[in-house]
Structures are given as structure tokens and as C-alpha cells.
PDB file of N, CA and C in Angstrom:
ATOM      1  N   MET A   1      40.989   0.185  -8.557  1.00  0.00           N
ATOM      2  CA  MET A   1      40.002  -0.764  -8.112  1.00  0.00           C
ATOM      3  C   MET A   1      38.816   0.001  -7.529  1.00  0.00           C
ATOM      4  N   SER A   2      37.620  -0.329  -7.975  1.00  0.00           N
ATOM      5  CA  SER A   2      36.444   0.391  -7.487  1.00  0.00           C
ATOM      6  C   SER A   2      35.802  -0.355  -6.334  1.00  0.00           C
ATOM      7  N   ALA A   3      35.140   0.396  -5.477  1.00  0.00           N
ATOM      8  CA  ALA A   3      34.455  -0.202  -4.333  1.00  0.00           C
ATOM      9  C   ALA A   3      33.081  -0.695  -4.777  1.00  0.00           C
ATOM     10  N   ALA A   4      32.715  -1.847  -4.302  1.00  0.00           N
ATOM     11  CA  ALA A   4      31.397  -2.406  -4.626  1.00  0.00           C
ATOM     12  C   ALA A   4      30.331  -1.679  -3.821  1.00  0.00           C
ATOM     13  N   ALA A   5      29.176  -1.465  -4.440  1.00  0.00           N
ATOM     14  CA  ALA A   5      28.062  -0.831  -3.742  1.00  0.00           C
ATOM     15  C   ALA A   5      27.520  -1.786  -2.689  1.00  0.00           C
ATOM     16  N   THR A   6      27.151  -1.237  -1.552  1.00  0.00           N
ATOM     17  CA  THR A   6      26.601  -2.044  -0.478  1.00  0.00           C
ATOM     18  C   THR A   6      25.095  -1.807  -0.400  1.00  0.00           C
ATOM     19  N   ALA A   7      24.333  -2.853  -0.501  1.00  0.00           N
ATOM     20  CA  ALA A   7      22.880  -2.741  -0.398  1.00  0.00           C
ATOM     21  C   ALA A   7      22.481  -2.582   1.060  1.00  0.00           C
ATOM     22  N   THR A   8      21.562  -1.686   1.320  1.00  0.00           N
ATOM     23  CA  THR A   8      21.076  -1.462   2.675  1.00  0.00           C
ATOM     24  C   THR A   8      19.671  -2.030   2.781  1.00  0.00           C
ATOM     25  N   HIS A   9      19.446  -2.893   3.748  1.00  0.00           N
ATOM     26  CA  HIS A   9      18.125  -3.481   3.973  1.00  0.00           C
ATOM     27  C   HIS A   9      17.366  -2.591   4.944  1.00  0.00           C
ATOM     28  N   LEU A  10      16.218  -2.129   4.541  1.00  0.00           N
ATOM     29  CA  LEU A  10      15.367  -1.277   5.361  1.00  0.00           C
ATOM     30  C   LEU A  10      14.332  -2.158   6.047  1.00  0.00           C
ATOM     31  N   SER A  11      14.336  -2.176   7.364  1.00  0.00           N
ATOM     32  CA  SER A  11      13.345  -2.989   8.077  1.00  0.00           C
ATOM     33  C   SER A  11      11.960  -2.392   7.875  1.00  0.00           C
ATOM     34  N   TYR A  12      10.935  -3.212   8.092  1.00  0.00           N
ATOM     35  CA  TYR A  12       9.568  -2.722   7.941  1.00  0.00           C
ATOM     36  C   TYR A  12       9.286  -1.615   8.949  1.00  0.00           C
ATOM     37  N   ALA A  13       9.785  -1.752  10.170  1.00  0.00           N
ATOM     38  CA  ALA A  13       9.579  -0.719  11.198  1.00  0.00           C
ATOM     39  C   ALA A  13      10.201   0.609  10.760  1.00  0.00           C
ATOM     40  N   ASP A  14      11.395   0.573  10.181  1.00  0.00           N
ATOM     41  CA  ASP A  14      12.036   1.796   9.696  1.00  0.00           C
ATOM     42  C   ASP A  14      11.270   2.387   8.516  1.00  0.00           C
ATOM     43  N   TYR A  15      10.750   1.532   7.643  1.00  0.00           N
ATOM     44  CA  TYR A  15       9.939   2.000   6.518  1.00  0.00           C
ATOM     45  C   TYR A  15       8.693   2.724   7.024  1.00  0.00           C
ATOM     46  N   VAL A  16       7.994   2.129   7.987  1.00  0.00           N
ATOM     47  CA  VAL A  16       6.768   2.731   8.518  1.00  0.00           C
ATOM     48  C   VAL A  16       7.082   4.077   9.162  1.00  0.00           C
ATOM     49  N   ALA A  17       8.172   4.154   9.920  1.00  0.00           N
ATOM     50  CA  ALA A  17       8.555   5.415  10.558  1.00  0.00           C
ATOM     51  C   ALA A  17       8.863   6.488   9.512  1.00  0.00           C
ATOM     52  N   ALA A  18       9.606   6.120   8.477  1.00  0.00           N
ATOM     53  CA  ALA A  18       9.947   7.077   7.419  1.00  0.00           C
ATOM     54  C   ALA A  18       8.707   7.493   6.640  1.00  0.00           C
ATOM     55  N   GLU A  19       7.829   6.555   6.393  1.00  0.00           N
ATOM     56  CA  GLU A  19       6.604   6.835   5.641  1.00  0.00           C
ATOM     57  C   GLU A  19       5.732   7.842   6.395  1.00  0.00           C
ATOM     58  N   GLY A  20       5.695   7.716   7.716  1.00  0.00           N
ATOM     59  CA  GLY A  20       4.895   8.641   8.519  1.00  0.00           C
ATOM     60  C   GLY A  20       5.404  10.065   8.478  1.00  0.00           C
ATOM     61  N   ALA A  21       6.693  10.258   8.253  1.00  0.00           N
ATOM     62  CA  ALA A  21       7.288  11.592   8.227  1.00  0.00           C
ATOM     63  C   ALA A  21       7.441  12.144   6.809  1.00  0.00           C
ATOM     64  N   ALA A  22       7.222  11.309   5.799  1.00  0.00           N
ATOM     65  CA  ALA A  22       7.462  11.717   4.409  1.00  0.00           C
ATOM     66  C   ALA A  22       6.313  12.554   3.860  1.00  0.00           C
ATOM     67  N   SER A  23       6.630  13.374   2.870  1.00  0.00           N
ATOM     68  CA  SER A  23       5.601  14.178   2.200  1.00  0.00           C
ATOM     69  C   SER A  23       5.094  13.480   0.935  1.00  0.00           C
ATOM     70  N   PHE A  24       5.509  12.234   0.726  1.00  0.00           N
ATOM     71  CA  PHE A  24       5.085  11.456  -0.429  1.00  0.00           C
ATOM     72  C   PHE A  24       4.927   9.998  -0.004  1.00  0.00           C
ATOM     73  N   LYS A  25       4.197   9.237  -0.782  1.00  0.00           N
ATOM     74  CA  LYS A  25       3.992   7.818  -0.487  1.00  0.00           C
ATOM     75  C   LYS A  25       5.073   6.990  -1.149  1.00  0.00           C
ATOM     76  N   SER A  26       5.385   5.868  -0.522  1.00  0.00           N
ATOM     77  CA  SER A  26       6.357   4.958  -1.110  1.00  0.00           C
ATOM     78  C   SER A  26       5.904   3.521  -0.905  1.00  0.00           C
ATOM     79  N   GLU A  27       6.474   2.632  -1.692  1.00  0.00           N
ATOM     80  CA  GLU A  27       6.238   1.199  -1.557  1.00  0.00           C
ATOM     81  C   GLU A  27       7.463   0.582  -0.901  1.00  0.00           C
ATOM     82  N   TRP A  28       7.267  -0.488  -0.175  1.00  0.00           N
ATOM     83  CA  TRP A  28       8.365  -1.219   0.460  1.00  0.00           C
ATOM     84  C   TRP A  28       8.417  -2.597  -0.179  1.00  0.00           C
ATOM     85  N   ILE A  29       9.511  -2.874  -0.885  1.00  0.00           N
ATOM     86  CA  ILE A  29       9.653  -4.136  -1.610  1.00  0.00           C
ATOM     87  C   ILE A  29      11.007  -4.743  -1.285  1.00  0.00           C
ATOM     88  N   ASN A  30      10.986  -5.941  -0.713  1.00  0.00           N
ATOM     89  CA  ASN A  30      12.215  -6.680  -0.396  1.00  0.00           C
ATOM     90  C   ASN A  30      13.241  -5.838   0.362  1.00  0.00           C
ATOM     91  N   GLY A  31      12.762  -5.038   1.322  1.00  0.00           N
ATOM     92  CA  GLY A  31      13.666  -4.275   2.171  1.00  0.00           C
ATOM     93  C   GLY A  31      14.123  -2.946   1.607  1.00  0.00           C
ATOM     94  N   SER A  32      13.556  -2.514   0.487  1.00  0.00           N
ATOM     95  CA  SER A  32      13.895  -1.218  -0.100  1.00  0.00           C
ATOM     96  C   SER A  32      12.621  -0.403  -0.291  1.00  0.00           C
ATOM     97  N   ALA A  33      12.714   0.920  -0.088  1.00  0.00           N
ATOM     98  CA  ALA A  33      11.580   1.814  -0.296  1.00  0.00           C
ATOM     99  C   ALA A  33      11.713   2.494  -1.651  1.00  0.00           C
ATOM    100  N   TYR A  34      10.605   2.559  -2.375  1.00  0.00           N
ATOM    101  CA  TYR A  34      10.575   3.183  -3.693  1.00  0.00           C
ATOM    102  C   TYR A  34       9.464   4.225  -3.707  1.00  0.00           C
ATOM    103  N   ALA A  35       9.802   5.461  -4.068  1.00  0.00           N
ATOM    104  CA  ALA A  35       8.804   6.518  -4.145  1.00  0.00           C
ATOM    105  C   ALA A  35       7.774   6.159  -5.211  1.00  0.00           C
ATOM    106  N   MET A  36       6.515   6.377  -4.888  1.00  0.00           N
ATOM    107  CA  MET A  36       5.450   6.121  -5.850  1.00  0.00           C
ATOM    108  C   MET A  36       5.283   7.356  -6.742  1.00  0.00           C
ATOM    109  N   ALA A  37       5.029   7.129  -7.997  1.00  0.00           N
ATOM    110  CA  ALA A  37       4.861   8.225  -8.949  1.00  0.00           C
ATOM    111  C   ALA A  37       3.617   9.034  -8.608  1.00  0.00           C
ATOM    112  N   GLY A  38       3.691  10.301  -8.887  1.00  0.00           N
ATOM    113  CA  GLY A  38       2.534  11.160  -8.682  1.00  0.00           C
ATOM    114  C   GLY A  38       1.436  10.822  -9.675  1.00  0.00           C
ATOM    115  N   GLY A  39       0.219  11.111  -9.299  1.00  0.00           N
ATOM    116  CA  GLY A  39      -0.912  10.782 -10.151  1.00  0.00           C
ATOM    117  C   GLY A  39      -1.160  11.830 -11.221  1.00  0.00           C
ATOM    118  N   THR A  40      -1.899  11.443 -12.224  1.00  0.00           N
ATOM    119  CA  THR A  40      -2.331  12.351 -13.284  1.00  0.00           C
ATOM    120  C   THR A  40      -3.848  12.442 -13.229  1.00  0.00           C
ATOM    121  N   MET A  41      -4.406  13.356 -13.969  1.00  0.00           N
ATOM    122  CA  MET A  41      -5.866  13.469 -14.015  1.00  0.00           C
ATOM    123  C   MET A  41      -6.480  12.177 -14.541  1.00  0.00           C
ATOM    124  N   LEU A  42      -5.867  11.585 -15.564  1.00  0.00           N
ATOM    125  CA  LEU A  42      -6.386  10.346 -16.124  1.00  0.00           C
ATOM    126  C   LEU A  42      -6.315   9.219 -15.094  1.00  0.00           C
ATOM    127  N   HIS A  43      -5.194   9.118 -14.401  1.00  0.00           N
ATOM    128  CA  HIS A  43      -5.044   8.080 -13.378  1.00  0.00           C
ATOM    129  C   HIS A  43      -6.111   8.234 -12.291  1.00  0.00           C
ATOM    130  N   ALA A  44      -6.317   9.465 -11.822  1.00  0.00           N
ATOM    131  CA  ALA A  44      -7.328   9.720 -10.790  1.00  0.00           C
ATOM    132  C   ALA A  44      -8.719   9.339 -11.284  1.00  0.00           C
ATOM    133  N   ARG A  45      -9.019   9.687 -12.524  1.00  0.00           N
ATOM    134  CA  ARG A  45     -10.328   9.357 -13.100  1.00  0.00           C
ATOM    135  C   ARG A  45     -10.517   7.853 -13.215  1.00  0.00           C
ATOM    136  N   LEU A  46      -9.477   7.142 -13.689  1.00  0.00           N
ATOM    137  CA  LEU A  46      -9.574   5.686 -13.834  1.00  0.00           C
ATOM    138  C   LEU A  46      -9.729   4.991 -12.483  1.00  0.00           C
ATOM    139  N   SER A  47      -8.976   5.429 -11.476  1.00  0.00           N
ATOM    140  CA  SER A  47      -9.091   4.766 -10.169  1.00  0.00           C
ATOM    141  C   SER A  47     -10.474   4.990  -9.565  1.00  0.00           C
ATOM    142  N   MET A  48     -11.057   6.171  -9.776  1.00  0.00           N
ATOM    143  CA  MET A  48     -12.420   6.407  -9.288  1.00  0.00           C
ATOM    144  C   MET A  48     -13.435   5.572 -10.061  1.00  0.00           C
ATOM    145  N   ALA A  49     -13.236   5.412 -11.358  1.00  0.00           N
ATOM    146  CA  ALA A  49     -14.143   4.589 -12.165  1.00  0.00           C
ATOM    147  C   ALA A  49     -14.085   3.130 -11.722  1.00  0.00           C
ATOM    148  N   VAL A  50     -12.882   2.645 -11.448  1.00  0.00           N
ATOM    149  CA  VAL A  50     -12.727   1.264 -10.948  1.00  0.00           C
ATOM    150  C   VAL A  50     -13.412   1.135  -9.592  1.00  0.00           C
ATOM    151  N   GLY A  51     -13.203   2.120  -8.716  1.00  0.00           N
ATOM    152  CA  GLY A  51     -13.848   2.088  -7.401  1.00  0.00           C
ATOM    153  C   GLY A  51     -15.367   2.086  -7.505  1.00  0.00           C
ATOM    154  N   LEU A  52     -15.904   2.899  -8.374  1.00  0.00           N
ATOM    155  CA  LEU A  52     -17.355   2.943  -8.569  1.00  0.00           C
ATOM    156  C   LEU A  52     -17.880   1.607  -9.071  1.00  0.00           C
ATOM    157  N   ALA A  53     -17.207   1.040 -10.084  1.00  0.00           N
ATOM    158  CA  ALA A  53     -17.644  -0.253 -10.638  1.00  0.00           C
ATOM    159  C   ALA A  53     -17.572  -1.353  -9.574  1.00  0.00           C
ATOM    160  N   LEU A  54     -16.499  -1.372  -8.814  1.00  0.00           N
ATOM    161  CA  LEU A  54     -16.392  -2.379  -7.737  1.00  0.00           C
ATOM    162  C   LEU A  54     -17.452  -2.165  -6.674  1.00  0.00           C
ATOM    163  N   GLY A  55     -17.669  -0.911  -6.291  1.00  0.00           N
ATOM    164  CA  GLY A  55     -18.675  -0.605  -5.274  1.00  0.00           C
ATOM    165  C   GLY A  55     -20.059  -1.094  -5.671  1.00  0.00           C
ATOM    166  N   LEU A  56     -20.407  -0.914  -6.937  1.00  0.00           N
ATOM    167  CA  LEU A  56     -21.704  -1.382  -7.413  1.00  0.00           C
ATOM    168  C   LEU A  56     -21.797  -2.906  -7.344  1.00  0.00           C
ATOM    169  N   GLN A  57     -20.721  -3.588  -7.658  1.00  0.00           N
ATOM    170  CA  GLN A  57     -20.706  -5.055  -7.616  1.00  0.00           C
ATOM    171  C   GLN A  57     -20.729  -5.592  -6.188  1.00  0.00           C
ATOM    172  N   LEU A  58     -20.252  -4.803  -5.233  1.00  0.00           N
ATOM    173  CA  LEU A  58     -20.138  -5.270  -3.849  1.00  0.00           C
ATOM    174  C   LEU A  58     -21.378  -4.996  -3.008  1.00  0.00           C
ATOM    175  N   ARG A  59     -22.350  -4.309  -3.570  1.00  0.00           N
ATOM    176  CA  ARG A  59     -23.563  -4.006  -2.796  1.00  0.00           C
ATOM    177  C   ARG A  59     -24.193  -5.288  -2.257  1.00  0.00           C
ATOM    178  N   GLY A  60     -24.544  -5.255  -0.975  1.00  0.00           N
ATOM    179  CA  GLY A  60     -25.178  -6.408  -0.355  1.00  0.00           C
ATOM    180  C   GLY A  60     -24.199  -7.477   0.099  1.00  0.00           C
ATOM    181  N   ARG A  61     -22.923  -7.269  -0.096  1.00  0.00           N
ATOM    182  CA  ARG A  61     -21.901  -8.241   0.319  1.00  0.00           C
ATOM    183  C   ARG A  61     -21.145  -7.683   1.531  1.00  0.00           C
ATOM    184  N   PRO A  62     -20.522  -8.551   2.307  1.00  0.00           N
ATOM    185  CA  PRO A  62     -19.796  -8.085   3.505  1.00  0.00           C
ATOM    186  C   PRO A  62     -18.393  -7.572   3.148  1.00  0.00           C
ATOM    187  N   CYS A  63     -18.323  -6.706   2.155  1.00  0.00           N
ATOM    188  CA  CYS A  63     -17.040  -6.191   1.666  1.00  0.00           C
ATOM    189  C   CYS A  63     -17.036  -4.673   1.739  1.00  0.00           C
ATOM    190  N   VAL A  64     -15.857  -4.122   1.973  1.00  0.00           N
ATOM    191  CA  VAL A  64     -15.683  -2.670   2.055  1.00  0.00           C
ATOM    192  C   VAL A  64     -14.616  -2.254   1.053  1.00  0.00           C
ATOM    193  N   LEU A  65     -14.846  -1.137   0.407  1.00  0.00           N
ATOM    194  CA  LEU A  65     -13.930  -0.588  -0.576  1.00  0.00           C
ATOM    195  C   LEU A  65     -13.109   0.520   0.076  1.00  0.00           C
ATOM    196  N   TYR A  66     -11.799   0.496  -0.114  1.00  0.00           N
ATOM    197  CA  TYR A  66     -10.901   1.510   0.441  1.00  0.00           C
ATOM    198  C   TYR A  66     -10.143   2.194  -0.684  1.00  0.00           C
ATOM    199  N   GLY A  67      -9.791   3.462  -0.462  1.00  0.00           N
ATOM    200  CA  GLY A  67      -8.995   4.227  -1.414  1.00  0.00           C
ATOM    201  C   GLY A  67      -7.507   4.128  -1.112  1.00  0.00           C
ATOM    202  N   SER A  68      -6.747   5.004  -1.728  1.00  0.00           N
ATOM    203  CA  SER A  68      -5.284   4.925  -1.680  1.00  0.00           C
ATOM    204  C   SER A  68      -4.663   5.333  -0.351  1.00  0.00           C
ATOM    205  N   ASP A  69      -5.451   5.707   0.635  1.00  0.00           N
ATOM    206  CA  ASP A  69      -4.888   6.024   1.951  1.00  0.00           C
ATOM    207  C   ASP A  69      -4.684   4.785   2.814  1.00  0.00           C
ATOM    208  N   LEU A  70      -5.156   3.642   2.360  1.00  0.00           N
ATOM    209  CA  LEU A  70      -4.985   2.399   3.118  1.00  0.00           C
ATOM    210  C   LEU A  70      -3.674   1.726   2.718  1.00  0.00           C
ATOM    211  N   ARG A  71      -2.814   1.472   3.711  1.00  0.00           N
ATOM    212  CA  ARG A  71      -1.576   0.733   3.449  1.00  0.00           C
ATOM    213  C   ARG A  71      -1.898  -0.755   3.522  1.00  0.00           C
ATOM    214  N   VAL A  72      -1.441  -1.506   2.546  1.00  0.00           N
ATOM    215  CA  VAL A  72      -1.655  -2.950   2.477  1.00  0.00           C
ATOM    216  C   VAL A  72      -0.296  -3.631   2.632  1.00  0.00           C
ATOM    217  N   ARG A  73      -0.228  -4.613   3.523  1.00  0.00           N
ATOM    218  CA  ARG A  73       1.031  -5.311   3.819  1.00  0.00           C
ATOM    219  C   ARG A  73       0.845  -6.789   3.549  1.00  0.00           C
ATOM    220  N   SER A  74       1.721  -7.365   2.742  1.00  0.00           N
ATOM    221  CA  SER A  74       1.704  -8.795   2.466  1.00  0.00           C
ATOM    222  C   SER A  74       2.305  -9.554   3.642  1.00  0.00           C
ATOM    223  N   LEU A  75       1.691 -10.664   3.991  1.00  0.00           N
ATOM    224  CA  LEU A  75       2.243 -11.533   5.028  1.00  0.00           C
ATOM    225  C   LEU A  75       3.154 -12.596   4.441  1.00  0.00           C
ATOM    226  N   PHE A  76       3.173 -12.697   3.125  1.00  0.00           N
ATOM    227  CA  PHE A  76       3.907 -13.774   2.458  1.00  0.00           C
ATOM    228  C   PHE A  76       5.197 -13.310   1.797  1.00  0.00           C
ATOM    229  N   SER A  77       5.410 -12.004   1.731  1.00  0.00           N
ATOM    230  CA  SER A  77       6.630 -11.467   1.135  1.00  0.00           C
ATOM    231  C   SER A  77       6.918 -10.107   1.765  1.00  0.00           C
ATOM    232  N   GLU A  78       8.073  -9.570   1.475  1.00  0.00           N
ATOM    233  CA  GLU A  78       8.428  -8.244   1.967  1.00  0.00           C
ATOM    234  C   GLU A  78       7.863  -7.207   1.004  1.00  0.00           C
ATOM    235  N   PHE A  79       6.579  -6.905   1.167  1.00  0.00           N
ATOM    236  CA  PHE A  79       5.897  -5.967   0.278  1.00  0.00           C
ATOM    237  C   PHE A  79       4.841  -5.192   1.040  1.00  0.00           C
ATOM    238  N   SER A  80       4.818  -3.881   0.840  1.00  0.00           N
ATOM    239  CA  SER A  80       3.788  -3.019   1.388  1.00  0.00           C
ATOM    240  C   SER A  80       3.586  -1.853   0.432  1.00  0.00           C
ATOM    241  N   SER A  81       2.331  -1.464   0.219  1.00  0.00           N
ATOM    242  CA  SER A  81       2.025  -0.384  -0.709  1.00  0.00           C
ATOM    243  C   SER A  81       0.664   0.215  -0.367  1.00  0.00           C
ATOM    244  N   CYS A  82       0.316   1.284  -1.048  1.00  0.00           N
ATOM    245  CA  CYS A  82      -0.992   1.920  -0.914  1.00  0.00           C
ATOM    246  C   CYS A  82      -1.678   1.873  -2.277  1.00  0.00           C
ATOM    247  N   PRO A  83      -2.367   0.776  -2.580  1.00  0.00           N
ATOM    248  CA  PRO A  83      -3.019   0.649  -3.897  1.00  0.00           C
ATOM    249  C   PRO A  83      -4.098   1.708  -4.090  1.00  0.00           C
ATOM    250  N   ASP A  84      -4.411   1.992  -5.328  1.00  0.00           N
ATOM    251  CA  ASP A  84      -5.467   2.960  -5.626  1.00  0.00           C
ATOM    252  C   ASP A  84      -6.807   2.505  -5.057  1.00  0.00           C
ATOM    253  N   VAL A  85      -7.092   1.220  -5.158  1.00  0.00           N
ATOM    254  CA  VAL A  85      -8.350   0.652  -4.688  1.00  0.00           C
ATOM    255  C   VAL A  85      -8.059  -0.698  -4.032  1.00  0.00           C
ATOM    256  N   THR A  86      -8.650  -0.920  -2.870  1.00  0.00           N
ATOM    257  CA  THR A  86      -8.517  -2.197  -2.171  1.00  0.00           C
ATOM    258  C   THR A  86      -9.900  -2.639  -1.711  1.00  0.00           C
ATOM    259  N   VAL A  87     -10.202  -3.909  -1.891  1.00  0.00           N
ATOM    260  CA  VAL A  87     -11.456  -4.486  -1.411  1.00  0.00           C
ATOM    261  C   VAL A  87     -11.118  -5.441  -0.281  1.00  0.00           C
ATOM    262  N   VAL A  88     -11.795  -5.273   0.869  1.00  0.00           N
ATOM    263  CA  VAL A  88     -11.616  -6.166   2.009  1.00  0.00           C
ATOM    264  C   VAL A  88     -12.985  -6.774   2.321  1.00  0.00           C
ATOM    265  N   CYS A  89     -13.055  -8.093   2.258  1.00  0.00           N
ATOM    266  CA  CYS A  89     -14.292  -8.797   2.573  1.00  0.00           C
ATOM    267  C   CYS A  89     -14.151  -9.422   3.954  1.00  0.00           C
ATOM    268  N   GLY A  90     -15.164  -9.267   4.772  1.00  0.00           N
ATOM    269  CA  GLY A  90     -15.087  -9.739   6.147  1.00  0.00           C
ATOM    270  C   GLY A  90     -14.370  -8.714   7.011  1.00  0.00           C
ATOM    271  N   SER A  91     -14.004  -9.131   8.195  1.00  0.00           N
ATOM    272  CA  SER A  91     -13.315  -8.226   9.118  1.00  0.00           C
ATOM    273  C   SER A  91     -11.883  -8.009   8.655  1.00  0.00           C
ATOM    274  N   PRO A  92     -11.454  -6.753   8.568  1.00  0.00           N
ATOM    275  CA  PRO A  92     -10.074  -6.509   8.157  1.00  0.00           C
ATOM    276  C   PRO A  92      -9.096  -6.904   9.262  1.00  0.00           C
ATOM    277  N   ASP A  93      -7.947  -7.422   8.867  1.00  0.00           N
ATOM    278  CA  ASP A  93      -6.873  -7.735   9.807  1.00  0.00           C
ATOM    279  C   ASP A  93      -5.779  -6.704   9.610  1.00  0.00           C
ATOM    280  N   THR A  94      -5.082  -6.385  10.700  1.00  0.00           N
ATOM    281  CA  THR A  94      -3.971  -5.458  10.597  1.00  0.00           C
ATOM    282  C   THR A  94      -2.674  -6.172  10.921  1.00  0.00           C
ATOM    283  N   HIS A  95      -1.571  -5.578  10.489  1.00  0.00           N
ATOM    284  CA  HIS A  95      -0.248  -6.150  10.728  1.00  0.00           C
ATOM    285  C   HIS A  95       0.094  -6.012  12.205  1.00  0.00           C
ATOM    286  N   GLY A  96       0.732  -7.029  12.770  1.00  0.00           N
ATOM    287  CA  GLY A  96       1.060  -7.038  14.197  1.00  0.00           C
ATOM    288  C   GLY A  96       1.828  -5.823  14.674  1.00  0.00           C
ATOM    289  N   SER A  97       2.808  -5.352  13.895  1.00  0.00           N
ATOM    290  CA  SER A  97       3.614  -4.213  14.327  1.00  0.00           C
ATOM    291  C   SER A  97       3.197  -2.909  13.655  1.00  0.00           C
ATOM    292  N   ASP A  98       2.154  -2.946  12.834  1.00  0.00           N
ATOM    293  CA  ASP A  98       1.691  -1.749  12.129  1.00  0.00           C
ATOM    294  C   ASP A  98       0.175  -1.794  12.025  1.00  0.00           C
ATOM    295  N   LYS A  99      -0.492  -1.219  12.983  1.00  0.00           N
ATOM    296  CA  LYS A  99      -1.958  -1.263  13.033  1.00  0.00           C
ATOM    297  C   LYS A  99      -2.616  -0.445  11.925  1.00  0.00           C
ATOM    298  N   ARG A 100      -1.840   0.335  11.159  1.00  0.00           N
ATOM    299  CA  ARG A 100      -2.385   1.110  10.047  1.00  0.00           C
ATOM    300  C   ARG A 100      -2.318   0.320   8.736  1.00  0.00           C
ATOM    301  N   ALA A 101      -1.704  -0.862   8.764  1.00  0.00           N
ATOM    302  CA  ALA A 101      -1.553  -1.664   7.543  1.00  0.00           C
ATOM    303  C   ALA A 101      -2.507  -2.836   7.563  1.00  0.00           C
ATOM    304  N   CYS A 102      -3.284  -2.953   6.514  1.00  0.00           N
ATOM    305  CA  CYS A 102      -4.243  -4.049   6.370  1.00  0.00           C
ATOM    306  C   CYS A 102      -3.526  -5.262   5.758  1.00  0.00           C
ATOM    307  N   THR A 103      -3.777  -6.417   6.335  1.00  0.00           N
ATOM    308  CA  THR A 103      -3.204  -7.651   5.788  1.00  0.00           C
ATOM    309  C   THR A 103      -4.275  -8.545   5.166  1.00  0.00           C
ATOM    310  N   ARG A 104      -5.549  -8.241   5.409  1.00  0.00           N
ATOM    311  CA  ARG A 104      -6.673  -8.952   4.809  1.00  0.00           C
ATOM    312  C   ARG A 104      -7.904  -8.093   4.926  1.00  0.00           C
TER     313      ARG A 104
END
């Protein structure tokens, strides 16, 4: 008889603590952390091209463009990640227990 695998739920606080000490970025989805794949030259070029195109469209608007160092946290699901490009219009909001994570 084999033993069933036990799923471990990682709290958001534990994810943030681990992320701060890690040498790589990860996403937090439904209580589990997943290492993000390393970038390629093509990926880096495409994300910069998207950022440039968005930046040109946002001129004169109350919006700010952020790169992949910004952690984004969903308030509606258990999800947090560092997207290649994030646009925040208006004043950014941060997560109550994680002031480094943008929620809007």
C-alpha cells in the first residue's frame, strides 16, 4: 500500500519571506510557489518592445509603467507574480501585509 502525497499550503507571508531570500523569482498560485523560467534574449527584447509601445501610448495620462521588479498581488485570488510589464493608473495600492506588492 502506498502513502498518498500530502499537499502543503504555503501562506502568502511564508512566500514573501522565501522570495526575499531566494536567488530566483517565483510565482505564488493557490498556496504553492513555482519558480519562474529564466529569460532569453528574445523574451527580454519583446518585453522591452511592449514596454516602449505602452509607454508611448500612456504619455499625458496618469499612468506609470513598471518592469519585472514589481510584485503584483491579486486581491481576488491566491496569486502573486512579477510580470514583465505592469501599468498602474492613478495612485498605486499595496497589499496590507506586503508593502512591496502592488494590488492596483
